Protein backbone atom coordinates (compact mmCIF):
# COMPACT_ATOMS: atom_id res chain seq x y z
CA UNK A 1 -43.85 -14.33 7.68
CA UNK A 2 -46.49 -12.20 9.56
CA UNK A 3 -47.98 -9.12 8.08
CA UNK A 4 -45.50 -6.60 9.52
CA UNK A 5 -42.62 -8.37 7.84
CA UNK A 6 -44.45 -8.19 4.54
CA UNK A 7 -45.09 -4.50 4.99
CA UNK A 8 -41.41 -3.89 5.48
CA UNK A 9 -40.44 -6.03 2.56
CA UNK A 10 -42.95 -4.20 0.44
CA UNK A 11 -41.66 -0.72 1.62
CA UNK A 12 -38.16 -1.67 0.75
CA UNK A 13 -39.12 -2.99 -2.62
CA UNK A 14 -40.99 0.25 -3.40
CA UNK A 15 -37.95 2.34 -2.17
CA UNK A 16 -35.59 0.34 -4.44
CA UNK A 17 -37.90 0.75 -7.34
CA UNK A 18 -38.18 4.44 -6.76
CA UNK A 19 -34.40 4.74 -6.79
CA UNK A 20 -34.03 2.72 -9.85
CA UNK A 21 -36.61 4.99 -11.53
CA UNK A 22 -34.44 8.08 -10.50
CA UNK A 23 -31.41 6.48 -12.00
CA UNK A 24 -33.09 5.55 -15.24
CA UNK A 25 -34.46 9.12 -15.43
CA UNK A 26 -30.94 10.70 -15.08
CA UNK A 27 -29.61 8.19 -17.58
CA UNK A 28 -32.18 9.40 -20.14
CA UNK A 29 -31.61 12.95 -19.37
CA UNK A 30 -27.89 12.59 -19.84
CA UNK A 31 -28.38 11.04 -23.24
CA UNK A 32 -30.92 13.71 -24.37
CA UNK A 33 -28.69 16.53 -23.10
CA UNK A 34 -25.79 15.29 -25.00
CA UNK A 35 -27.81 14.90 -28.15
CA UNK A 36 -29.27 18.24 -27.80
CA UNK A 37 -25.82 19.84 -27.35
CA UNK A 38 -24.40 18.06 -30.33
CA UNK A 39 -27.35 19.22 -32.56
CA UNK A 40 -26.82 22.69 -31.38
CA UNK A 41 -23.17 22.48 -32.27
CA UNK A 42 -22.01 23.10 -28.81
CA UNK A 43 -19.09 21.31 -27.07
CA UNK A 44 -20.05 18.24 -25.08
CA UNK A 45 -16.75 17.90 -23.26
CA UNK A 46 -14.83 14.74 -23.12
CA UNK A 47 -16.53 11.71 -24.60
CA UNK A 48 -15.10 9.34 -21.97
CA UNK A 49 -17.21 11.09 -19.35
CA UNK A 50 -20.41 10.42 -21.14
CA UNK A 51 -19.47 6.78 -22.11
CA UNK A 52 -17.94 6.12 -18.78
CA UNK A 53 -21.10 7.18 -16.96
CA UNK A 54 -23.25 5.07 -19.24
CA UNK A 55 -21.00 2.06 -18.83
CA UNK A 56 -21.07 2.44 -15.11
CA UNK A 57 -24.72 2.37 -15.00
CA UNK A 58 -25.24 -0.47 -17.38
CA UNK A 59 -22.46 -2.76 -16.38
CA UNK A 60 -23.04 -4.97 -13.33
CA UNK A 61 -19.71 -4.14 -11.48
CA UNK A 62 -20.23 -1.10 -9.13
CA UNK A 63 -18.71 0.33 -6.00
CA UNK A 64 -22.18 -0.53 -4.24
CA UNK A 65 -24.31 -3.55 -5.10
CA UNK A 66 -26.74 -2.87 -7.74
CA UNK A 67 -29.98 -2.88 -5.66
CA UNK A 68 -28.58 0.50 -4.25
CA UNK A 69 -28.40 2.90 -7.31
CA UNK A 70 -27.15 5.82 -5.25
CA UNK A 71 -23.62 5.52 -6.67
CA UNK A 72 -25.04 5.20 -10.18
CA UNK A 73 -27.09 8.33 -9.66
CA UNK A 74 -24.00 10.21 -8.41
CA UNK A 75 -22.01 9.20 -11.51
CA UNK A 76 -24.84 10.40 -13.78
CA UNK A 77 -25.22 13.70 -11.90
CA UNK A 78 -21.48 14.35 -12.26
CA UNK A 79 -21.71 13.57 -15.96
CA UNK A 80 -24.57 15.96 -16.50
CA UNK A 81 -22.74 18.58 -14.61
CA UNK A 82 -19.63 18.06 -16.84
CA UNK A 83 -21.84 18.56 -19.99
CA UNK A 84 -23.19 21.61 -18.59
CA UNK A 85 -19.93 23.12 -17.68
CA UNK A 86 -18.48 22.28 -21.18
CA UNK A 87 -21.45 24.00 -22.93
CA UNK A 88 -21.44 27.00 -20.55
CA UNK A 89 -19.49 29.82 -22.38
CA UNK A 90 -18.83 31.74 -19.10
CA UNK A 91 -16.49 29.03 -17.82
């Protein structure tokens, strides 16, 4: 492989690592948000939304192959939104 191929491979690896870091960040944020809501005595919504999102990220079966964590990020964002909506008293 010549140097331009290695540069492309390196850029793809860095991009995939960044997407993985975002997915892990959202997973940690989801767990912390649910824990904070439970400590405050606020409703956390359906437990299956939380556990389903965690299982979807952790388990190897996905809609898209695991090197592409965009579907995992989407599931985590939807779970965070669900937690927020269940704790919001105006809804």
